[in-house]
Amino acid sequence: MRDGMKEAGLSEPEFEFSSFFTVTLRKKAMIKVPWTRELNIRPDKLQRIIAILQVLISTNKLDVDGLAKKYHTTTRNIRKDLELLQEKDWIIGIGATKNKSYQITETGRQKAALIP
């Protein structure tokens, strides 16, 4: 169990022995950004939004299928995330739905700069 947690980049499990046997497993801390409340979204969606912005900062090539697999979600959810970012004017979509590419806007760059 310790090796598995370490490989996953998590802290080691905590074992407590009293009248009961307790094991505490801690998950990764969620990234906090100043604009979290502005989006009013769940933490898992926030992680995907951050990933999208980071990818678009480094390259304009966004792999929707790859992001869906990485975050254990559907491509539909990734596309909804992209729609939210377009509504907020943080990114722009170019082209038809199937072959759409995305570019980050100046507003999106400013928001991405606040990611720790």
PDB file of N, CA and C in Angstrom:
ATOM      1  N   MET A   1       0.839  -1.178   0.000  1.00  0.00           N
ATOM      2  CA  MET A   1       0.000   0.000   0.000  1.00  0.00           C
ATOM      3  C   MET A   1       0.891   1.250   0.000  1.00  0.00           C
ATOM      4  N   ARG A   2       1.923   1.236   0.799  1.00  0.00           N
ATOM      5  CA  ARG A   2       2.824   2.402   0.853  1.00  0.00           C
ATOM      6  C   ARG A   2       3.468   2.665  -0.505  1.00  0.00           C
ATOM      7  N   ASP A   3       3.934   1.596  -1.152  1.00  0.00           N
ATOM      8  CA  ASP A   3       4.573   1.749  -2.465  1.00  0.00           C
ATOM      9  C   ASP A   3       3.593   2.304  -3.492  1.00  0.00           C
ATOM     10  N   GLY A   4       2.369   1.791  -3.488  1.00  0.00           N
ATOM     11  CA  GLY A   4       1.354   2.258  -4.422  1.00  0.00           C
ATOM     12  C   GLY A   4       1.024   3.724  -4.234  1.00  0.00           C
ATOM     13  N   MET A   5       0.918   4.144  -2.990  1.00  0.00           N
ATOM     14  CA  MET A   5       0.629   5.558  -2.702  1.00  0.00           C
ATOM     15  C   MET A   5       1.794   6.437  -3.162  1.00  0.00           C
ATOM     16  N   LYS A   6       3.009   5.972  -2.904  1.00  0.00           N
ATOM     17  CA  LYS A   6       4.191   6.741  -3.283  1.00  0.00           C
ATOM     18  C   LYS A   6       4.277   6.872  -4.804  1.00  0.00           C
ATOM     19  N   GLU A   7       4.013   5.767  -5.523  1.00  0.00           N
ATOM     20  CA  GLU A   7       4.035   5.789  -6.983  1.00  0.00           C
ATOM     21  C   GLU A   7       2.992   6.742  -7.544  1.00  0.00           C
ATOM     22  N   ALA A   8       1.877   6.886  -6.863  1.00  0.00           N
ATOM     23  CA  ALA A   8       0.812   7.777  -7.313  1.00  0.00           C
ATOM     24  C   ALA A   8       1.070   9.230  -6.920  1.00  0.00           C
ATOM     25  N   GLY A   9       2.199   9.470  -6.232  1.00  0.00           N
ATOM     26  CA  GLY A   9       2.530  10.838  -5.817  1.00  0.00           C
ATOM     27  C   GLY A   9       1.739  11.305  -4.615  1.00  0.00           C
ATOM     28  N   LEU A  10       1.245  10.365  -3.829  1.00  0.00           N
ATOM     29  CA  LEU A  10       0.448  10.690  -2.647  1.00  0.00           C
ATOM     30  C   LEU A  10       1.258  10.441  -1.385  1.00  0.00           C
ATOM     31  N   SER A  11       0.822  11.047  -0.296  1.00  0.00           N
ATOM     32  CA  SER A  11       1.514  10.813   0.972  1.00  0.00           C
ATOM     33  C   SER A  11       1.229   9.396   1.454  1.00  0.00           C
ATOM     34  N   GLU A  12       2.138   8.881   2.263  1.00  0.00           N
ATOM     35  CA  GLU A  12       1.981   7.515   2.771  1.00  0.00           C
ATOM     36  C   GLU A  12       0.722   7.396   3.622  1.00  0.00           C
ATOM     37  N   PRO A  13       0.137   6.209   3.647  1.00  0.00           N
ATOM     38  CA  PRO A  13      -1.038   6.017   4.510  1.00  0.00           C
ATOM     39  C   PRO A  13      -0.644   6.134   5.980  1.00  0.00           C
ATOM     40  N   GLU A  14      -1.601   6.589   6.768  1.00  0.00           N
ATOM     41  CA  GLU A  14      -1.367   6.712   8.207  1.00  0.00           C
ATOM     42  C   GLU A  14      -2.118   5.585   8.907  1.00  0.00           C
ATOM     43  N   PHE A  15      -1.407   4.843   9.736  1.00  0.00           N
ATOM     44  CA  PHE A  15      -2.007   3.727  10.474  1.00  0.00           C
ATOM     45  C   PHE A  15      -2.158   4.124  11.931  1.00  0.00           C
ATOM     46  N   GLU A  16      -3.307   3.848  12.491  1.00  0.00           N
ATOM     47  CA  GLU A  16      -3.558   4.162  13.897  1.00  0.00           C
ATOM     48  C   GLU A  16      -4.125   2.911  14.564  1.00  0.00           C
ATOM     49  N   PHE A  17      -3.497   2.549  15.669  1.00  0.00           N
ATOM     50  CA  PHE A  17      -3.938   1.362  16.407  1.00  0.00           C
ATOM     51  C   PHE A  17      -4.447   1.801  17.775  1.00  0.00           C
ATOM     52  N   SER A  18      -5.688   1.567  18.027  1.00  0.00           N
ATOM     53  CA  SER A  18      -6.283   1.810  19.349  1.00  0.00           C
ATOM     54  C   SER A  18      -7.274   0.669  19.557  1.00  0.00           C
ATOM     55  N   SER A  19      -8.429   0.952  20.054  1.00  0.00           N
ATOM     56  CA  SER A  19      -9.425  -0.114  20.165  1.00  0.00           C
ATOM     57  C   SER A  19      -9.934  -0.513  18.773  1.00  0.00           C
ATOM     58  N   PHE A  20      -9.652   0.342  17.765  1.00  0.00           N
ATOM     59  CA  PHE A  20      -9.965   0.064  16.370  1.00  0.00           C
ATOM     60  C   PHE A  20      -8.690   0.222  15.554  1.00  0.00           C
ATOM     61  N   PHE A  21      -8.681  -0.369  14.382  1.00  0.00           N
ATOM     62  CA  PHE A  21      -7.584  -0.215  13.440  1.00  0.00           C
ATOM     63  C   PHE A  21      -8.049   0.781  12.374  1.00  0.00           C
ATOM     64  N   THR A  22      -7.308   1.867  12.215  1.00  0.00           N
ATOM     65  CA  THR A  22      -7.706   2.908  11.271  1.00  0.00           C
ATOM     66  C   THR A  22      -6.580   3.177  10.288  1.00  0.00           C
ATOM     67  N   VAL A  23      -6.938   3.266   9.011  1.00  0.00           N
ATOM     68  CA  VAL A  23      -5.992   3.644   7.969  1.00  0.00           C
ATOM     69  C   VAL A  23      -6.518   4.914   7.322  1.00  0.00           C
ATOM     70  N   THR A  24      -5.677   5.942   7.231  1.00  0.00           N
ATOM     71  CA  THR A  24      -6.064   7.197   6.600  1.00  0.00           C
ATOM     72  C   THR A  24      -5.289   7.345   5.298  1.00  0.00           C
ATOM     73  N   LEU A  25      -6.022   7.484   4.186  1.00  0.00           N
ATOM     74  CA  LEU A  25      -5.436   7.699   2.870  1.00  0.00           C
ATOM     75  C   LEU A  25      -5.770   9.117   2.439  1.00  0.00           C
ATOM     76  N   ARG A  26      -4.774   9.874   2.099  1.00  0.00           N
ATOM     77  CA  ARG A  26      -4.995  11.272   1.710  1.00  0.00           C
ATOM     78  C   ARG A  26      -4.852  11.423   0.204  1.00  0.00           C
ATOM     79  N   LYS A  27      -5.792  12.158  -0.374  1.00  0.00           N
ATOM     80  CA  LYS A  27      -5.724  12.417  -1.809  1.00  0.00           C
ATOM     81  C   LYS A  27      -4.893  13.676  -2.050  1.00  0.00           C
ATOM     82  N   LYS A  28      -4.595  13.916  -3.311  1.00  0.00           N
ATOM     83  CA  LYS A  28      -3.828  15.103  -3.668  1.00  0.00           C
ATOM     84  C   LYS A  28      -4.620  16.351  -3.337  1.00  0.00           C
ATOM     85  N   ALA A  29      -3.908  17.377  -2.921  1.00  0.00           N
ATOM     86  CA  ALA A  29      -4.568  18.652  -2.638  1.00  0.00           C
ATOM     87  C   ALA A  29      -5.009  19.281  -3.957  1.00  0.00           C
ATOM     88  N   MET A  30      -6.166  19.881  -3.945  1.00  0.00           N
ATOM     89  CA  MET A  30      -6.676  20.541  -5.136  1.00  0.00           C
ATOM     90  C   MET A  30      -5.961  21.879  -5.314  1.00  0.00           C
ATOM     91  N   ILE A  31      -5.704  22.212  -6.562  1.00  0.00           N
ATOM     92  CA  ILE A  31      -5.087  23.498  -6.863  1.00  0.00           C
ATOM     93  C   ILE A  31      -6.115  24.590  -6.608  1.00  0.00           C
ATOM     94  N   LYS A  32      -5.690  25.641  -5.943  1.00  0.00           N
ATOM     95  CA  LYS A  32      -6.591  26.764  -5.682  1.00  0.00           C
ATOM     96  C   LYS A  32      -6.145  27.948  -6.539  1.00  0.00           C
ATOM     97  N   VAL A  33      -7.100  28.525  -7.230  1.00  0.00           N
ATOM     98  CA  VAL A  33      -6.830  29.697  -8.047  1.00  0.00           C
ATOM     99  C   VAL A  33      -7.826  30.788  -7.685  1.00  0.00           C
ATOM    100  N   PRO A  34      -7.433  32.051  -7.827  1.00  0.00           N
ATOM    101  CA  PRO A  34      -8.313  33.148  -7.417  1.00  0.00           C
ATOM    102  C   PRO A  34      -9.646  33.202  -8.156  1.00  0.00           C
ATOM    103  N   TRP A  35      -9.704  32.683  -9.356  1.00  0.00           N
ATOM    104  CA  TRP A  35     -10.936  32.783 -10.146  1.00  0.00           C
ATOM    105  C   TRP A  35     -11.854  31.578 -10.000  1.00  0.00           C
ATOM    106  N   THR A  36     -11.648  30.721  -9.027  1.00  0.00           N
ATOM    107  CA  THR A  36     -12.487  29.537  -8.828  1.00  0.00           C
ATOM    108  C   THR A  36     -13.949  29.932  -8.641  1.00  0.00           C
ATOM    109  N   ARG A  37     -14.219  30.900  -7.802  1.00  0.00           N
ATOM    110  CA  ARG A  37     -15.610  31.318  -7.552  1.00  0.00           C
ATOM    111  C   ARG A  37     -16.244  31.956  -8.772  1.00  0.00           C
ATOM    112  N   GLU A  38     -15.428  32.606  -9.584  1.00  0.00           N
ATOM    113  CA  GLU A  38     -15.941  33.246 -10.803  1.00  0.00           C
ATOM    114  C   GLU A  38     -16.569  32.206 -11.740  1.00  0.00           C
ATOM    115  N   LEU A  39     -15.998  31.010 -11.782  1.00  0.00           N
ATOM    116  CA  LEU A  39     -16.518  29.958 -12.652  1.00  0.00           C
ATOM    117  C   LEU A  39     -17.632  29.164 -11.995  1.00  0.00           C
ATOM    118  N   ASN A  40     -17.633  29.083 -10.667  1.00  0.00           N
ATOM    119  CA  ASN A  40     -18.658  28.365  -9.910  1.00  0.00           C
ATOM    120  C   ASN A  40     -18.805  26.921 -10.397  1.00  0.00           C
ATOM    121  N   ILE A  41     -17.697  26.173 -10.327  1.00  0.00           N
ATOM    122  CA  ILE A  41     -17.687  24.793 -10.810  1.00  0.00           C
ATOM    123  C   ILE A  41     -17.115  23.849  -9.761  1.00  0.00           C
ATOM    124  N   ARG A  42     -17.357  22.546  -9.968  1.00  0.00           N
ATOM    125  CA  ARG A  42     -16.852  21.511  -9.070  1.00  0.00           C
ATOM    126  C   ARG A  42     -15.328  21.397  -9.192  1.00  0.00           C
ATOM    127  N   PRO A  43     -14.668  20.873  -8.164  1.00  0.00           N
ATOM    128  CA  PRO A  43     -13.203  20.728  -8.195  1.00  0.00           C
ATOM    129  C   PRO A  43     -12.688  19.875  -9.358  1.00  0.00           C
ATOM    130  N   ASP A  44     -13.392  18.799  -9.716  1.00  0.00           N
ATOM    131  CA  ASP A  44     -12.909  17.963 -10.815  1.00  0.00           C
ATOM    132  C   ASP A  44     -12.948  18.720 -12.143  1.00  0.00           C
ATOM    133  N   LYS A  45     -13.975  19.517 -12.322  1.00  0.00           N
ATOM    134  CA  LYS A  45     -14.072  20.325 -13.540  1.00  0.00           C
ATOM    135  C   LYS A  45     -13.004  21.417 -13.537  1.00  0.00           C
ATOM    136  N   LEU A  46     -12.721  21.972 -12.369  1.00  0.00           N
ATOM    137  CA  LEU A  46     -11.674  22.984 -12.255  1.00  0.00           C
ATOM    138  C   LEU A  46     -10.329  22.414 -12.697  1.00  0.00           C
ATOM    139  N   GLN A  47     -10.029  21.180 -12.302  1.00  0.00           N
ATOM    140  CA  GLN A  47      -8.769  20.545 -12.693  1.00  0.00           C
ATOM    141  C   GLN A  47      -8.686  20.425 -14.215  1.00  0.00           C
ATOM    142  N   ARG A  48      -9.795  20.095 -14.853  1.00  0.00           N
ATOM    143  CA  ARG A  48      -9.807  19.977 -16.312  1.00  0.00           C
ATOM    144  C   ARG A  48      -9.632  21.344 -16.975  1.00  0.00           C
ATOM    145  N   ILE A  49     -10.286  22.359 -16.428  1.00  0.00           N
ATOM    146  CA  ILE A  49     -10.170  23.723 -16.962  1.00  0.00           C
ATOM    147  C   ILE A  49      -8.716  24.192 -16.881  1.00  0.00           C
ATOM    148  N   ILE A  50      -8.083  23.946 -15.745  1.00  0.00           N
ATOM    149  CA  ILE A  50      -6.678  24.324 -15.565  1.00  0.00           C
ATOM    150  C   ILE A  50      -5.813  23.606 -16.597  1.00  0.00           C
ATOM    151  N   ALA A  51      -6.061  22.309 -16.791  1.00  0.00           N
ATOM    152  CA  ALA A  51      -5.289  21.531 -17.770  1.00  0.00           C
ATOM    153  C   ALA A  51      -5.463  22.098 -19.174  1.00  0.00           C
ATOM    154  N   ILE A  52      -6.682  22.444 -19.532  1.00  0.00           N
ATOM    155  CA  ILE A  52      -6.951  23.009 -20.859  1.00  0.00           C
ATOM    156  C   ILE A  52      -6.178  24.308 -21.048  1.00  0.00           C
ATOM    157  N   LEU A  53      -6.248  25.187 -20.069  1.00  0.00           N
ATOM    158  CA  LEU A  53      -5.527  26.467 -20.176  1.00  0.00           C
ATOM    159  C   LEU A  53      -4.023  26.243 -20.285  1.00  0.00           C
ATOM    160  N   GLN A  54      -3.488  25.324 -19.500  1.00  0.00           N
ATOM    161  CA  GLN A  54      -2.049  25.059 -19.537  1.00  0.00           C
ATOM    162  C   GLN A  54      -1.621  24.499 -20.889  1.00  0.00           C
ATOM    163  N   VAL A  55      -2.437  23.619 -21.465  1.00  0.00           N
ATOM    164  CA  VAL A  55      -2.111  23.069 -22.784  1.00  0.00           C
ATOM    165  C   VAL A  55      -2.137  24.182 -23.827  1.00  0.00           C
ATOM    166  N   LEU A  56      -3.142  25.034 -23.777  1.00  0.00           N
ATOM    167  CA  LEU A  56      -3.262  26.093 -24.772  1.00  0.00           C
ATOM    168  C   LEU A  56      -2.188  27.171 -24.615  1.00  0.00           C
ATOM    169  N   ILE A  57      -1.654  27.324 -23.421  1.00  0.00           N
ATOM    170  CA  ILE A  57      -0.533  28.260 -23.226  1.00  0.00           C
ATOM    171  C   ILE A  57       0.707  27.720 -23.920  1.00  0.00           C
ATOM    172  N   SER A  58       0.933  26.412 -23.795  1.00  0.00           N
ATOM    173  CA  SER A  58       2.158  25.828 -24.348  1.00  0.00           C
ATOM    174  C   SER A  58       2.036  25.479 -25.836  1.00  0.00           C
ATOM    175  N   THR A  59       0.827  25.132 -26.284  1.00  0.00           N
ATOM    176  CA  THR A  59       0.614  24.760 -27.679  1.00  0.00           C
ATOM    177  C   THR A  59      -0.860  24.965 -28.022  1.00  0.00           C
ATOM    178  N   ASN A  60      -1.152  25.210 -29.260  1.00  0.00           N
ATOM    179  CA  ASN A  60      -2.553  25.372 -29.672  1.00  0.00           C
ATOM    180  C   ASN A  60      -3.194  24.042 -30.031  1.00  0.00           C
ATOM    181  N   LYS A  61      -2.485  22.945 -29.871  1.00  0.00           N
ATOM    182  CA  LYS A  61      -3.020  21.621 -30.223  1.00  0.00           C
ATOM    183  C   LYS A  61      -3.615  20.985 -28.979  1.00  0.00           C
ATOM    184  N   LEU A  62      -4.919  20.855 -28.972  1.00  0.00           N
ATOM    185  CA  LEU A  62      -5.644  20.312 -27.830  1.00  0.00           C
ATOM    186  C   LEU A  62      -6.211  18.948 -28.210  1.00  0.00           C
ATOM    187  N   ASP A  63      -5.855  17.917 -27.469  1.00  0.00           N
ATOM    188  CA  ASP A  63      -6.325  16.556 -27.713  1.00  0.00           C
ATOM    189  C   ASP A  63      -7.492  16.273 -26.772  1.00  0.00           C
ATOM    190  N   VAL A  64      -8.703  16.441 -27.273  1.00  0.00           N
ATOM    191  CA  VAL A  64      -9.914  16.262 -26.466  1.00  0.00           C
ATOM    192  C   VAL A  64     -10.008  14.832 -25.944  1.00  0.00           C
ATOM    193  N   ASP A  65      -9.751  13.857 -26.811  1.00  0.00           N
ATOM    194  CA  ASP A  65      -9.808  12.455 -26.389  1.00  0.00           C
ATOM    195  C   ASP A  65      -8.776  12.156 -25.310  1.00  0.00           C
ATOM    196  N   GLY A  66      -7.573  12.673 -25.483  1.00  0.00           N
ATOM    197  CA  GLY A  66      -6.513  12.455 -24.502  1.00  0.00           C
ATOM    198  C   GLY A  66      -6.839  13.059 -23.148  1.00  0.00           C
ATOM    199  N   LEU A  67      -7.414  14.259 -23.163  1.00  0.00           N
ATOM    200  CA  LEU A  67      -7.812  14.897 -21.901  1.00  0.00           C
ATOM    201  C   LEU A  67      -8.921  14.104 -21.222  1.00  0.00           C
ATOM    202  N   ALA A  68      -9.852  13.598 -22.001  1.00  0.00           N
ATOM    203  CA  ALA A  68     -10.955  12.816 -21.437  1.00  0.00           C
ATOM    204  C   ALA A  68     -10.415  11.567 -20.748  1.00  0.00           C
ATOM    205  N   LYS A  69      -9.482  10.897 -21.391  1.00  0.00           N
ATOM    206  CA  LYS A  69      -8.883   9.698 -20.787  1.00  0.00           C
ATOM    207  C   LYS A  69      -8.099  10.050 -19.527  1.00  0.00           C
ATOM    208  N   LYS A  70      -7.313  11.104 -19.607  1.00  0.00           N
ATOM    209  CA  LYS A  70      -6.473  11.491 -18.469  1.00  0.00           C
ATOM    210  C   LYS A  70      -7.306  11.833 -17.237  1.00  0.00           C
ATOM    211  N   TYR A  71      -8.435  12.488 -17.439  1.00  0.00           N
ATOM    212  CA  TYR A  71      -9.278  12.925 -16.318  1.00  0.00           C
ATOM    213  C   TYR A  71     -10.485  12.009 -16.093  1.00  0.00           C
ATOM    214  N   HIS A  72     -10.465  10.826 -16.704  1.00  0.00           N
ATOM    215  CA  HIS A  72     -11.502   9.808 -16.495  1.00  0.00           C
ATOM    216  C   HIS A  72     -12.904  10.384 -16.679  1.00  0.00           C
ATOM    217  N   THR A  73     -13.092  11.040 -17.813  1.00  0.00           N
ATOM    218  CA  THR A  73     -14.387  11.631 -18.126  1.00  0.00           C
ATOM    219  C   THR A  73     -14.687  11.393 -19.601  1.00  0.00           C
ATOM    220  N   THR A  74     -15.741  11.990 -20.087  1.00  0.00           N
ATOM    221  CA  THR A  74     -16.122  11.818 -21.488  1.00  0.00           C
ATOM    222  C   THR A  74     -15.637  13.000 -22.329  1.00  0.00           C
ATOM    223  N   THR A  75     -15.562  12.775 -23.630  1.00  0.00           N
ATOM    224  CA  THR A  75     -15.191  13.879 -24.520  1.00  0.00           C
ATOM    225  C   THR A  75     -16.277  14.959 -24.473  1.00  0.00           C
ATOM    226  N   ARG A  76     -17.509  14.548 -24.221  1.00  0.00           N
ATOM    227  CA  ARG A  76     -18.608  15.512 -24.112  1.00  0.00           C
ATOM    228  C   ARG A  76     -18.348  16.485 -22.959  1.00  0.00           C
ATOM    229  N   ASN A  77     -17.867  15.969 -21.826  1.00  0.00           N
ATOM    230  CA  ASN A  77     -17.557  16.857 -20.698  1.00  0.00           C
ATOM    231  C   ASN A  77     -16.415  17.812 -21.035  1.00  0.00           C
ATOM    232  N   ILE A  78     -15.409  17.320 -21.751  1.00  0.00           N
ATOM    233  CA  ILE A  78     -14.302  18.197 -22.155  1.00  0.00           C
ATOM    234  C   ILE A  78     -14.831  19.287 -23.076  1.00  0.00           C
ATOM    235  N   ARG A  79     -15.713  18.924 -23.994  1.00  0.00           N
ATOM    236  CA  ARG A  79     -16.289  19.926 -24.909  1.00  0.00           C
ATOM    237  C   ARG A  79     -17.148  20.950 -24.152  1.00  0.00           C
ATOM    238  N   LYS A  80     -17.834  20.497 -23.108  1.00  0.00           N
ATOM    239  CA  LYS A  80     -18.594  21.441 -22.265  1.00  0.00           C
ATOM    240  C   LYS A  80     -17.641  22.394 -21.549  1.00  0.00           C
ATOM    241  N   ASP A  81     -16.501  21.867 -21.098  1.00  0.00           N
ATOM    242  CA  ASP A  81     -15.491  22.728 -20.473  1.00  0.00           C
ATOM    243  C   ASP A  81     -15.005  23.780 -21.464  1.00  0.00           C
ATOM    244  N   LEU A  82     -14.785  23.350 -22.700  1.00  0.00           N
ATOM    245  CA  LEU A  82     -14.339  24.277 -23.742  1.00  0.00           C
ATOM    246  C   LEU A  82     -15.409  25.327 -24.035  1.00  0.00           C
ATOM    247  N   GLU A  83     -16.674  24.907 -24.041  1.00  0.00           N
ATOM    248  CA  GLU A  83     -17.770  25.860 -24.254  1.00  0.00           C
ATOM    249  C   GLU A  83     -17.810  26.901 -23.142  1.00  0.00           C
ATOM    250  N   LEU A  84     -17.612  26.462 -21.892  1.00  0.00           N
ATOM    251  CA  LEU A  84     -17.591  27.403 -20.768  1.00  0.00           C
ATOM    252  C   LEU A  84     -16.470  28.420 -20.942  1.00  0.00           C
ATOM    253  N   LEU A  85     -15.300  27.946 -21.322  1.00  0.00           N
ATOM    254  CA  LEU A  85     -14.167  28.848 -21.523  1.00  0.00           C
ATOM    255  C   LEU A  85     -14.419  29.819 -22.676  1.00  0.00           C
ATOM    256  N   GLN A  86     -15.136  29.357 -23.690  1.00  0.00           N
ATOM    257  CA  GLN A  86     -15.481  30.258 -24.796  1.00  0.00           C
ATOM    258  C   GLN A  86     -16.502  31.299 -24.347  1.00  0.00           C
ATOM    259  N   GLU A  87     -17.478  30.880 -23.545  1.00  0.00           N
ATOM    260  CA  GLU A  87     -18.477  31.819 -23.020  1.00  0.00           C
ATOM    261  C   GLU A  87     -17.816  32.904 -22.180  1.00  0.00           C
ATOM    262  N   LYS A  88     -16.804  32.520 -21.409  1.00  0.00           N
ATOM    263  CA  LYS A  88     -16.086  33.475 -20.558  1.00  0.00           C
ATOM    264  C   LYS A  88     -15.100  34.310 -21.365  1.00  0.00           C
ATOM    265  N   ASP A  89     -14.921  33.961 -22.637  1.00  0.00           N
ATOM    266  CA  ASP A  89     -13.996  34.655 -23.537  1.00  0.00           C
ATOM    267  C   ASP A  89     -12.538  34.427 -23.141  1.00  0.00           C
ATOM    268  N   TRP A  90     -12.268  33.237 -22.587  1.00  0.00           N
ATOM    269  CA  TRP A  90     -10.892  32.883 -22.214  1.00  0.00           C
ATOM    270  C   TRP A  90     -10.203  32.159 -23.364  1.00  0.00           C
ATOM    271  N   ILE A  91     -10.998  31.528 -24.237  1.00  0.00           N
ATOM    272  CA  ILE A  91     -10.472  30.880 -25.436  1.00  0.00           C
ATOM    273  C   ILE A  91     -11.418  31.165 -26.591  1.00  0.00           C
ATOM    274  N   ILE A  92     -10.921  30.944 -27.808  1.00  0.00           N
ATOM    275  CA  ILE A  92     -11.787  31.028 -28.977  1.00  0.00           C
ATOM    276  C   ILE A  92     -11.644  29.728 -29.763  1.00  0.00           C
ATOM    277  N   GLY A  93     -12.755  29.277 -30.338  1.00  0.00           N
ATOM    278  CA  GLY A  93     -12.757  28.081 -31.173  1.00  0.00           C
ATOM    279  C   GLY A  93     -12.735  28.489 -32.628  1.00  0.00           C
ATOM    280  N   ILE A  94     -11.933  27.780 -33.410  1.00  0.00           N
ATOM    281  CA  ILE A  94     -11.786  28.101 -34.830  1.00  0.00           C
ATOM    282  C   ILE A  94     -12.072  26.839 -35.636  1.00  0.00           C
ATOM    283  N   GLY A  95     -12.992  26.936 -36.587  1.00  0.00           N
ATOM    284  CA  GLY A  95     -13.268  25.815 -37.470  1.00  0.00           C
ATOM    285  C   GLY A  95     -14.532  25.069 -37.112  1.00  0.00           C
ATOM    286  N   ALA A  96     -14.783  24.007 -37.885  1.00  0.00           N
ATOM    287  CA  ALA A  96     -15.971  23.174 -37.702  1.00  0.00           C
ATOM    288  C   ALA A  96     -15.825  22.317 -36.447  1.00  0.00           C
ATOM    289  N   THR A  97     -16.934  21.809 -35.962  1.00  0.00           N
ATOM    290  CA  THR A  97     -16.967  21.060 -34.710  1.00  0.00           C
ATOM    291  C   THR A  97     -15.973  19.910 -34.679  1.00  0.00           C
ATOM    292  N   LYS A  98     -15.945  19.077 -35.707  1.00  0.00           N
ATOM    293  CA  LYS A  98     -15.056  17.902 -35.721  1.00  0.00           C
ATOM    294  C   LYS A  98     -13.584  18.299 -35.727  1.00  0.00           C
ATOM    295  N   ASN A  99     -13.236  19.311 -36.486  1.00  0.00           N
ATOM    296  CA  ASN A  99     -11.831  19.711 -36.643  1.00  0.00           C
ATOM    297  C   ASN A  99     -11.528  21.034 -35.968  1.00  0.00           C
ATOM    298  N   LYS A 100     -12.271  21.361 -34.956  1.00  0.00           N
ATOM    299  CA  LYS A 100     -12.130  22.647 -34.292  1.00  0.00           C
ATOM    300  C   LYS A 100     -10.792  22.730 -33.565  1.00  0.00           C
ATOM    301  N   SER A 101     -10.153  23.870 -33.686  1.00  0.00           N
ATOM    302  CA  SER A 101      -8.948  24.138 -32.903  1.00  0.00           C
ATOM    303  C   SER A 101      -9.262  25.306 -31.974  1.00  0.00           C
ATOM    304  N   TYR A 102      -8.441  25.453 -30.970  1.00  0.00           N
ATOM    305  CA  TYR A 102      -8.705  26.473 -29.948  1.00  0.00           C
ATOM    306  C   TYR A 102      -7.464  27.319 -29.724  1.00  0.00           C
ATOM    307  N   GLN A 103      -7.709  28.592 -29.436  1.00  0.00           N
ATOM    308  CA  GLN A 103      -6.627  29.500 -29.088  1.00  0.00           C
ATOM    309  C   GLN A 103      -7.002  30.216 -27.803  1.00  0.00           C
ATOM    310  N   ILE A 104      -6.012  30.456 -26.992  1.00  0.00           N
ATOM    311  CA  ILE A 104      -6.249  31.163 -25.742  1.00  0.00           C
ATOM    312  C   ILE A 104      -6.259  32.670 -26.021  1.00  0.00           C
ATOM    313  N   THR A 105      -7.170  33.374 -25.381  1.00  0.00           N
ATOM    314  CA  THR A 105      -7.262  34.826 -25.553  1.00  0.00           C
ATOM    315  C   THR A 105      -6.369  35.516 -24.526  1.00  0.00           C
ATOM    316  N   GLU A 106      -6.274  36.815 -24.634  1.00  0.00           N
ATOM    317  CA  GLU A 106      -5.474  37.560 -23.650  1.00  0.00           C
ATOM    318  C   GLU A 106      -6.068  37.418 -22.253  1.00  0.00           C
ATOM    319  N   THR A 107      -7.400  37.422 -22.161  1.00  0.00           N
ATOM    320  CA  THR A 107      -8.057  37.209 -20.864  1.00  0.00           C
ATOM    321  C   THR A 107      -7.691  35.845 -20.313  1.00  0.00           C
ATOM    322  N   GLY A 108      -7.711  34.826 -21.175  1.00  0.00           N
ATOM    323  CA  GLY A 108      -7.343  33.482 -20.770  1.00  0.00           C
ATOM    324  C   GLY A 108      -5.895  33.409 -20.299  1.00  0.00           C
ATOM    325  N   ARG A 109      -5.010  34.135 -20.970  1.00  0.00           N
ATOM    326  CA  ARG A 109      -3.590  34.178 -20.556  1.00  0.00           C
ATOM    327  C   ARG A 109      -3.448  34.801 -19.151  1.00  0.00           C
ATOM    328  N   GLN A 110      -4.224  35.844 -18.928  1.00  0.00           N
ATOM    329  CA  GLN A 110      -4.176  36.497 -17.604  1.00  0.00           C
ATOM    330  C   GLN A 110      -4.682  35.546 -16.514  1.00  0.00           C
ATOM    331  N   LYS A 111      -5.746  34.811 -16.801  1.00  0.00           N
ATOM    332  CA  LYS A 111      -6.279  33.863 -15.833  1.00  0.00           C
ATOM    333  C   LYS A 111      -5.290  32.713 -15.595  1.00  0.00           C
ATOM    334  N   ALA A 112      -4.691  32.223 -16.682  1.00  0.00           N
ATOM    335  CA  ALA A 112      -3.727  31.122 -16.587  1.00  0.00           C
ATOM    336  C   ALA A 112      -2.487  31.548 -15.800  1.00  0.00           C
ATOM    337  N   ALA A 113      -2.135  32.803 -15.876  1.00  0.00           N
ATOM    338  CA  ALA A 113      -0.952  33.295 -15.141  1.00  0.00           C
ATOM    339  C   ALA A 113      -1.152  33.206 -13.635  1.00  0.00           C
ATOM    340  N   LEU A 114      -2.393  33.090 -13.173  1.00  0.00           N
ATOM    341  CA  LEU A 114      -2.694  33.014 -11.748  1.00  0.00           C
ATOM    342  C   LEU A 114      -2.685  31.576 -11.216  1.00  0.00           C
ATOM    343  N   ILE A 115      -2.451  30.598 -12.107  1.00  0.00           N
ATOM    344  CA  ILE A 115      -2.395  29.198 -11.687  1.00  0.00           C
ATOM    345  C   ILE A 115      -1.061  28.965 -10.985  1.00  0.00           C
ATOM    346  N   PRO A 116      -1.099  28.436  -9.760  1.00  0.00           N
ATOM    347  CA  PRO A 116       0.165  28.224  -9.020  1.00  0.00           C
ATOM    348  C   PRO A 116       1.035  27.159  -9.665  1.00  0.00           C
TER     349      PRO A 116
END
